[in-house]
PDB file of N, CA and C in Angstrom:
ATOM      1  N   UNK A   1      23.781  13.948  30.172  1.00  0.00           N
ATOM      2  CA  UNK A   1      24.794  13.063  29.618  1.00  0.00           C
ATOM      3  C   UNK A   1      24.389  12.666  28.196  1.00  0.00           C
ATOM      4  N   UNK A   2      25.308  12.701  27.302  1.00  0.00           N
ATOM      5  CA  UNK A   2      25.071  12.399  25.900  1.00  0.00           C
ATOM      6  C   UNK A   2      25.133  10.898  25.677  1.00  0.00           C
ATOM      7  N   UNK A   3      24.103  10.358  25.032  1.00  0.00           N
ATOM      8  CA  UNK A   3      24.063   8.926  24.723  1.00  0.00           C
ATOM      9  C   UNK A   3      24.529   8.736  23.285  1.00  0.00           C
ATOM     10  N   UNK A   4      25.675   8.099  23.095  1.00  0.00           N
ATOM     11  CA  UNK A   4      26.207   7.884  21.746  1.00  0.00           C
ATOM     12  C   UNK A   4      26.149   6.403  21.353  1.00  0.00           C
ATOM     13  N   UNK A   5      25.263   5.658  21.985  1.00  0.00           N
ATOM     14  CA  UNK A   5      25.091   4.248  21.645  1.00  0.00           C
ATOM     15  C   UNK A   5      24.566   4.140  20.220  1.00  0.00           C
ATOM     16  N   UNK A   6      25.165   3.297  19.390  1.00  0.00           N
ATOM     17  CA  UNK A   6      24.686   3.152  18.016  1.00  0.00           C
ATOM     18  C   UNK A   6      23.252   2.631  17.974  1.00  0.00           C
ATOM     19  N   UNK A   7      22.511   3.089  16.983  1.00  0.00           N
ATOM     20  CA  UNK A   7      21.141   2.652  16.790  1.00  0.00           C
ATOM     21  C   UNK A   7      21.133   1.211  16.297  1.00  0.00           C
ATOM     22  N   UNK A   8      20.258   0.401  16.854  1.00  0.00           N
ATOM     23  CA  UNK A   8      20.126  -0.985  16.415  1.00  0.00           C
ATOM     24  C   UNK A   8      18.843  -1.098  15.598  1.00  0.00           C
ATOM     25  N   UNK A   9      18.998  -1.415  14.341  1.00  0.00           N
ATOM     26  CA  UNK A   9      17.857  -1.537  13.438  1.00  0.00           C
ATOM     27  C   UNK A   9      17.045  -2.778  13.779  1.00  0.00           C
ATOM     28  N   UNK A  10      15.733  -2.597  13.866  1.00  0.00           N
ATOM     29  CA  UNK A  10      14.843  -3.729  14.088  1.00  0.00           C
ATOM     30  C   UNK A  10      14.122  -4.029  12.779  1.00  0.00           C
ATOM     31  N   UNK A  11      13.931  -5.282  12.456  1.00  0.00           N
ATOM     32  CA  UNK A  11      13.258  -5.619  11.198  1.00  0.00           C
ATOM     33  C   UNK A  11      11.786  -5.186  11.238  1.00  0.00           C
ATOM     34  N   UNK A  12      11.230  -4.928  10.063  1.00  0.00           N
ATOM     35  CA  UNK A  12       9.822  -4.542   9.968  1.00  0.00           C
ATOM     36  C   UNK A  12       8.948  -5.674  10.492  1.00  0.00           C
ATOM     37  N   UNK A  13       7.890  -5.302  11.196  1.00  0.00           N
ATOM     38  CA  UNK A  13       6.973  -6.304  11.742  1.00  0.00           C
ATOM     39  C   UNK A  13       5.708  -6.434  10.902  1.00  0.00           C
ATOM     40  N   UNK A  14       5.619  -5.623   9.854  1.00  0.00           N
ATOM     41  CA  UNK A  14       4.489  -5.721   8.934  1.00  0.00           C
ATOM     42  C   UNK A  14       5.024  -5.815   7.517  1.00  0.00           C
ATOM     43  N   UNK A  15       4.216  -6.326   6.614  1.00  0.00           N
ATOM     44  CA  UNK A  15       4.628  -6.450   5.219  1.00  0.00           C
ATOM     45  C   UNK A  15       4.573  -5.078   4.564  1.00  0.00           C
ATOM     46  N   UNK A  16       5.725  -4.513   4.225  1.00  0.00           N
ATOM     47  CA  UNK A  16       5.790  -3.189   3.641  1.00  0.00           C
ATOM     48  C   UNK A  16       5.366  -3.174   2.172  1.00  0.00           C
ATOM     49  N   UNK A  17       5.233  -4.339   1.560  1.00  0.00           N
ATOM     50  CA  UNK A  17       4.834  -4.429   0.160  1.00  0.00           C
ATOM     51  C   UNK A  17       3.348  -4.725  -0.015  1.00  0.00           C
ATOM     52  N   UNK A  18       2.647  -5.008   1.068  1.00  0.00           N
ATOM     53  CA  UNK A  18       1.221  -5.320   0.966  1.00  0.00           C
ATOM     54  C   UNK A  18       0.441  -4.043   0.670  1.00  0.00           C
ATOM     55  N   UNK A  19      -0.388  -4.104  -0.354  1.00  0.00           N
ATOM     56  CA  UNK A  19      -1.206  -2.962  -0.742  1.00  0.00           C
ATOM     57  C   UNK A  19      -2.638  -3.429  -0.916  1.00  0.00           C
ATOM     58  N   UNK A  20      -3.578  -2.636  -0.441  1.00  0.00           N
ATOM     59  CA  UNK A  20      -4.999  -2.932  -0.568  1.00  0.00           C
ATOM     60  C   UNK A  20      -5.361  -4.357  -0.152  1.00  0.00           C
ATOM     61  N   UNK A  21      -5.066  -4.719   1.089  1.00  0.00           N
ATOM     62  CA  UNK A  21      -5.483  -6.055   1.518  1.00  0.00           C
ATOM     63  C   UNK A  21      -7.007  -6.159   1.492  1.00  0.00           C
ATOM     64  N   UNK A  22      -7.511  -7.345   1.319  1.00  0.00           N
ATOM     65  CA  UNK A  22      -8.948  -7.569   1.169  1.00  0.00           C
ATOM     66  C   UNK A  22      -9.752  -7.146   2.398  1.00  0.00           C
ATOM     67  N   UNK A  23      -9.103  -6.961   3.518  1.00  0.00           N
ATOM     68  CA  UNK A  23      -9.844  -6.533   4.712  1.00  0.00           C
ATOM     69  C   UNK A  23      -9.744  -5.021   4.955  1.00  0.00           C
ATOM     70  N   UNK A  24      -9.111  -4.288   4.059  1.00  0.00           N
ATOM     71  CA  UNK A  24      -8.956  -2.840   4.223  1.00  0.00           C
ATOM     72  C   UNK A  24     -10.255  -2.128   3.849  1.00  0.00           C
ATOM     73  N   UNK A  25     -10.575  -1.067   4.588  1.00  0.00           N
ATOM     74  CA  UNK A  25     -11.773  -0.289   4.291  1.00  0.00           C
ATOM     75  C   UNK A  25     -11.586   0.408   2.951  1.00  0.00           C
ATOM     76  N   UNK A  26     -12.545   0.222   2.041  1.00  0.00           N
ATOM     77  CA  UNK A  26     -12.510   0.895   0.751  1.00  0.00           C
ATOM     78  C   UNK A  26     -11.605   0.258  -0.292  1.00  0.00           C
ATOM     79  N   UNK A  27     -11.162  -0.960  -0.059  1.00  0.00           N
ATOM     80  CA  UNK A  27     -10.221  -1.563  -1.003  1.00  0.00           C
ATOM     81  C   UNK A  27     -10.836  -1.760  -2.385  1.00  0.00           C
ATOM     82  N   UNK A  28     -12.112  -2.130  -2.444  1.00  0.00           N
ATOM     83  CA  UNK A  28     -12.760  -2.315  -3.749  1.00  0.00           C
ATOM     84  C   UNK A  28     -12.838  -0.997  -4.514  1.00  0.00           C
ATOM     85  N   UNK A  29     -13.245   0.050  -3.803  1.00  0.00           N
ATOM     86  CA  UNK A  29     -13.364   1.360  -4.432  1.00  0.00           C
ATOM     87  C   UNK A  29     -12.007   1.868  -4.930  1.00  0.00           C
ATOM     88  N   UNK A  30     -10.964   1.664  -4.136  1.00  0.00           N
ATOM     89  CA  UNK A  30      -9.644   2.163  -4.536  1.00  0.00           C
ATOM     90  C   UNK A  30      -9.091   1.400  -5.743  1.00  0.00           C
ATOM     91  N   UNK A  31      -9.421   0.135  -5.869  1.00  0.00           N
ATOM     92  CA  UNK A  31      -8.970  -0.622  -7.039  1.00  0.00           C
ATOM     93  C   UNK A  31      -9.622  -0.109  -8.320  1.00  0.00           C
ATOM     94  N   UNK A  32     -10.834   0.415  -8.217  1.00  0.00           N
ATOM     95  CA  UNK A  32     -11.551   0.907  -9.384  1.00  0.00           C
ATOM     96  C   UNK A  32     -11.161   2.338  -9.760  1.00  0.00           C
ATOM     97  N   UNK A  33     -10.371   2.999  -8.934  1.00  0.00           N
ATOM     98  CA  UNK A  33     -10.020   4.407  -9.178  1.00  0.00           C
ATOM     99  C   UNK A  33      -8.913   4.539 -10.220  1.00  0.00           C
ATOM    100  N   UNK A  34      -9.069   5.534 -11.083  1.00  0.00           N
ATOM    101  CA  UNK A  34      -8.053   5.855 -12.085  1.00  0.00           C
ATOM    102  C   UNK A  34      -7.117   6.904 -11.476  1.00  0.00           C
ATOM    103  N   UNK A  35      -5.965   6.456 -10.998  1.00  0.00           N
ATOM    104  CA  UNK A  35      -5.004   7.353 -10.362  1.00  0.00           C
ATOM    105  C   UNK A  35      -3.868   7.725 -11.309  1.00  0.00           C
ATOM    106  N   UNK A  36      -4.065   7.498 -12.604  1.00  0.00           N
ATOM    107  CA  UNK A  36      -3.009   7.791 -13.568  1.00  0.00           C
ATOM    108  C   UNK A  36      -2.808   9.281 -13.789  1.00  0.00           C
ATOM    109  N   UNK A  37      -3.812  10.073 -13.441  1.00  0.00           N
ATOM    110  CA  UNK A  37      -3.720  11.529 -13.600  1.00  0.00           C
ATOM    111  C   UNK A  37      -4.518  12.159 -12.467  1.00  0.00           C
ATOM    112  N   UNK A  38      -4.083  13.328 -12.022  1.00  0.00           N
ATOM    113  CA  UNK A  38      -4.753  13.997 -10.908  1.00  0.00           C
ATOM    114  C   UNK A  38      -6.198  14.366 -11.263  1.00  0.00           C
ATOM    115  N   UNK A  39      -7.015  14.469 -10.241  1.00  0.00           N
ATOM    116  CA  UNK A  39      -8.410  14.913 -10.332  1.00  0.00           C
ATOM    117  C   UNK A  39      -9.310  13.987 -11.144  1.00  0.00           C
ATOM    118  N   UNK A  40      -8.979  12.731 -11.228  1.00  0.00           N
ATOM    119  CA  UNK A  40      -9.852  11.782 -11.937  1.00  0.00           C
ATOM    120  C   UNK A  40     -10.722  10.973 -10.991  1.00  0.00           C
ATOM    121  N   UNK A  41     -10.533  11.156  -9.694  1.00  0.00           N
ATOM    122  CA  UNK A  41     -11.329  10.396  -8.724  1.00  0.00           C
ATOM    123  C   UNK A  41     -12.082  11.358  -7.820  1.00  0.00           C
ATOM    124  N   UNK A  42     -13.120  10.836  -7.195  1.00  0.00           N
ATOM    125  CA  UNK A  42     -13.897  11.608  -6.229  1.00  0.00           C
ATOM    126  C   UNK A  42     -12.992  11.920  -5.033  1.00  0.00           C
ATOM    127  N   UNK A  43     -12.696  13.194  -4.822  1.00  0.00           N
ATOM    128  CA  UNK A  43     -11.743  13.565  -3.770  1.00  0.00           C
ATOM    129  C   UNK A  43     -12.245  13.228  -2.375  1.00  0.00           C
ATOM    130  N   UNK A  44     -13.552  13.316  -2.139  1.00  0.00           N
ATOM    131  CA  UNK A  44     -14.078  12.986  -0.807  1.00  0.00           C
ATOM    132  C   UNK A  44     -13.950  11.496  -0.513  1.00  0.00           C
ATOM    133  N   UNK A  45     -14.283  10.655  -1.494  1.00  0.00           N
ATOM    134  CA  UNK A  45     -14.163   9.213  -1.299  1.00  0.00           C
ATOM    135  C   UNK A  45     -12.699   8.825  -1.119  1.00  0.00           C
ATOM    136  N   UNK A  46     -11.822   9.384  -1.935  1.00  0.00           N
ATOM    137  CA  UNK A  46     -10.395   9.083  -1.833  1.00  0.00           C
ATOM    138  C   UNK A  46      -9.851   9.498  -0.461  1.00  0.00           C
ATOM    139  N   UNK A  47     -10.254  10.676   0.001  1.00  0.00           N
ATOM    140  CA  UNK A  47      -9.824  11.151   1.323  1.00  0.00           C
ATOM    141  C   UNK A  47     -10.342  10.255   2.429  1.00  0.00           C
ATOM    142  N   UNK A  48     -11.580   9.788   2.292  1.00  0.00           N
ATOM    143  CA  UNK A  48     -12.134   8.911   3.329  1.00  0.00           C
ATOM    144  C   UNK A  48     -11.416   7.568   3.372  1.00  0.00           C
ATOM    145  N   UNK A  49     -11.068   7.035   2.208  1.00  0.00           N
ATOM    146  CA  UNK A  49     -10.328   5.769   2.176  1.00  0.00           C
ATOM    147  C   UNK A  49      -8.985   5.937   2.868  1.00  0.00           C
ATOM    148  N   UNK A  50      -8.298   7.034   2.588  1.00  0.00           N
ATOM    149  CA  UNK A  50      -7.010   7.289   3.235  1.00  0.00           C
ATOM    150  C   UNK A  50      -7.207   7.493   4.735  1.00  0.00           C
ATOM    151  N   UNK A  51      -8.209   8.299   5.117  1.00  0.00           N
ATOM    152  CA  UNK A  51      -8.479   8.581   6.532  1.00  0.00           C
ATOM    153  C   UNK A  51      -8.693   7.281   7.306  1.00  0.00           C
ATOM    154  N   UNK A  52      -9.599   6.444   6.801  1.00  0.00           N
ATOM    155  CA  UNK A  52      -9.936   5.209   7.539  1.00  0.00           C
ATOM    156  C   UNK A  52      -8.796   4.198   7.522  1.00  0.00           C
ATOM    157  N   UNK A  53      -7.947   4.233   6.504  1.00  0.00           N
ATOM    158  CA  UNK A  53      -6.807   3.313   6.501  1.00  0.00           C
ATOM    159  C   UNK A  53      -5.773   3.720   7.548  1.00  0.00           C
ATOM    160  N   UNK A  54      -5.702   5.010   7.846  1.00  0.00           N
ATOM    161  CA  UNK A  54      -4.749   5.503   8.844  1.00  0.00           C
ATOM    162  C   UNK A  54      -5.355   5.501  10.247  1.00  0.00           C
ATOM    163  N   UNK A  55      -6.588   5.997  10.368  1.00  0.00           N
ATOM    164  CA  UNK A  55      -7.225   6.168  11.676  1.00  0.00           C
ATOM    165  C   UNK A  55      -8.032   4.965  12.139  1.00  0.00           C
ATOM    166  N   UNK A  56      -8.353   4.059  11.226  1.00  0.00           N
ATOM    167  CA  UNK A  56      -9.145   2.883  11.579  1.00  0.00           C
ATOM    168  C   UNK A  56     -10.489   2.903  10.874  1.00  0.00           C
ATOM    169  N   UNK A  57     -10.962   1.732  10.491  1.00  0.00           N
ATOM    170  CA  UNK A  57     -12.194   1.613   9.711  1.00  0.00           C
ATOM    171  C   UNK A  57     -13.414   2.138  10.450  1.00  0.00           C
ATOM    172  N   UNK A  58     -13.402   2.093  11.755  1.00  0.00           N
ATOM    173  CA  UNK A  58     -14.561   2.541  12.539  1.00  0.00           C
ATOM    174  C   UNK A  58     -14.476   4.008  12.932  1.00  0.00           C
ATOM    175  N   UNK A  59     -13.487   4.716  12.457  1.00  0.00           N
ATOM    176  CA  UNK A  59     -13.298   6.120  12.801  1.00  0.00           C
ATOM    177  C   UNK A  59     -13.748   6.981  11.621  1.00  0.00           C
ATOM    178  N   UNK A  60     -14.961   7.557  11.696  1.00  0.00           N
ATOM    179  CA  UNK A  60     -15.468   8.332  10.561  1.00  0.00           C
ATOM    180  C   UNK A  60     -14.645   9.588  10.304  1.00  0.00           C
ATOM    181  N   UNK A  61     -14.564   9.929   9.035  1.00  0.00           N
ATOM    182  CA  UNK A  61     -13.817  11.111   8.627  1.00  0.00           C
ATOM    183  C   UNK A  61     -14.596  12.373   8.999  1.00  0.00           C
ATOM    184  N   UNK A  62     -13.928  13.399   9.488  1.00  0.00           N
ATOM    185  CA  UNK A  62     -14.631  14.657   9.773  1.00  0.00           C
ATOM    186  C   UNK A  62     -15.084  15.324   8.478  1.00  0.00           C
ATOM    187  N   UNK A  63     -16.058  16.199   8.592  1.00  0.00           N
ATOM    188  CA  UNK A  63     -16.576  16.902   7.420  1.00  0.00           C
ATOM    189  C   UNK A  63     -15.462  17.730   6.786  1.00  0.00           C
ATOM    190  N   UNK A  64     -15.455  17.807   5.463  1.00  0.00           N
ATOM    191  CA  UNK A  64     -14.420  18.589   4.791  1.00  0.00           C
ATOM    192  C   UNK A  64     -14.601  20.085   5.033  1.00  0.00           C
ATOM    193  N   UNK A  65     -13.501  20.786   4.977  1.00  0.00           N
ATOM    194  CA  UNK A  65     -13.518  22.243   5.080  1.00  0.00           C
ATOM    195  C   UNK A  65     -13.114  22.766   3.708  1.00  0.00           C
ATOM    196  N   UNK A  66     -13.992  23.517   3.104  1.00  0.00           N
ATOM    197  CA  UNK A  66     -13.727  24.040   1.763  1.00  0.00           C
ATOM    198  C   UNK A  66     -13.473  25.533   1.846  1.00  0.00           C
ATOM    199  N   UNK A  67     -12.595  26.005   1.019  1.00  0.00           N
ATOM    200  CA  UNK A  67     -12.288  27.439   0.952  1.00  0.00           C
ATOM    201  C   UNK A  67     -12.229  27.846  -0.503  1.00  0.00           C
ATOM    202  N   UNK A  68     -12.476  29.094  -0.740  1.00  0.00           N
ATOM    203  CA  UNK A  68     -12.342  29.617  -2.087  1.00  0.00           C
ATOM    204  C   UNK A  68     -11.532  30.900  -2.014  1.00  0.00           C
ATOM    205  N   UNK A  69     -10.626  31.039  -2.931  1.00  0.00           N
ATOM    206  CA  UNK A  69      -9.807  32.228  -3.013  1.00  0.00           C
ATOM    207  C   UNK A  69     -10.108  32.871  -4.366  1.00  0.00           C
ATOM    208  N   UNK A  70     -10.654  34.050  -4.331  1.00  0.00           N
ATOM    209  CA  UNK A  70     -10.978  34.697  -5.588  1.00  0.00           C
ATOM    210  C   UNK A  70     -10.773  36.195  -5.468  1.00  0.00           C
ATOM    211  N   UNK A  71     -10.635  36.817  -6.597  1.00  0.00           N
ATOM    212  CA  UNK A  71     -10.507  38.255  -6.653  1.00  0.00           C
ATOM    213  C   UNK A  71     -11.899  38.841  -6.906  1.00  0.00           C
ATOM    214  N   UNK A  72     -12.282  39.849  -6.160  1.00  0.00           N
ATOM    215  CA  UNK A  72     -13.581  40.464  -6.448  1.00  0.00           C
ATOM    216  C   UNK A  72     -13.551  41.148  -7.808  1.00  0.00           C
ATOM    217  N   UNK A  73     -14.663  41.024  -8.529  1.00  0.00           N
ATOM    218  CA  UNK A  73     -14.700  41.668  -9.840  1.00  0.00           C
ATOM    219  C   UNK A  73     -14.947  43.164  -9.656  1.00  0.00           C
ATOM    220  N   UNK A  74     -14.309  43.918 -10.469  1.00  0.00           N
ATOM    221  CA  UNK A  74     -14.417  45.371 -10.392  1.00  0.00           C
ATOM    222  C   UNK A  74     -15.174  45.844 -11.625  1.00  0.00           C
ATOM    223  N   UNK A  75     -16.236  46.588 -11.414  1.00  0.00           N
ATOM    224  CA  UNK A  75     -17.011  47.113 -12.514  1.00  0.00           C
ATOM    225  C   UNK A  75     -16.255  48.252 -13.176  1.00  0.00           C
ATOM    226  N   UNK A  76     -16.162  48.222 -14.485  1.00  0.00           N
ATOM    227  CA  UNK A  76     -15.432  49.263 -15.212  1.00  0.00           C
ATOM    228  C   UNK A  76     -16.405  50.119 -16.016  1.00  0.00           C
ATOM    229  N   UNK A  77     -17.328  50.735 -15.318  1.00  0.00           N
ATOM    230  CA  UNK A  77     -18.317  51.596 -15.996  1.00  0.00           C
ATOM    231  C   UNK A  77     -17.757  52.961 -16.270  1.00  0.00           C
TER     232      UNK A  77
END
């Protein structure tokens, strides 16, 4: 059976405008970061701040996985 009941919007239960609260993990470090242009901050620290803000301060970030894509050089002797 198809339910066509209109959706009832519920108000937000958290402050959507709050940024870097003083109790957030890494808030001091993130305030000191220059985010005006890409690649100006330590990517591992930035990733960890994001990880812990989403997963919880006590949830350590897994080790990064790095890859390299390159073309093998061909000797032209």
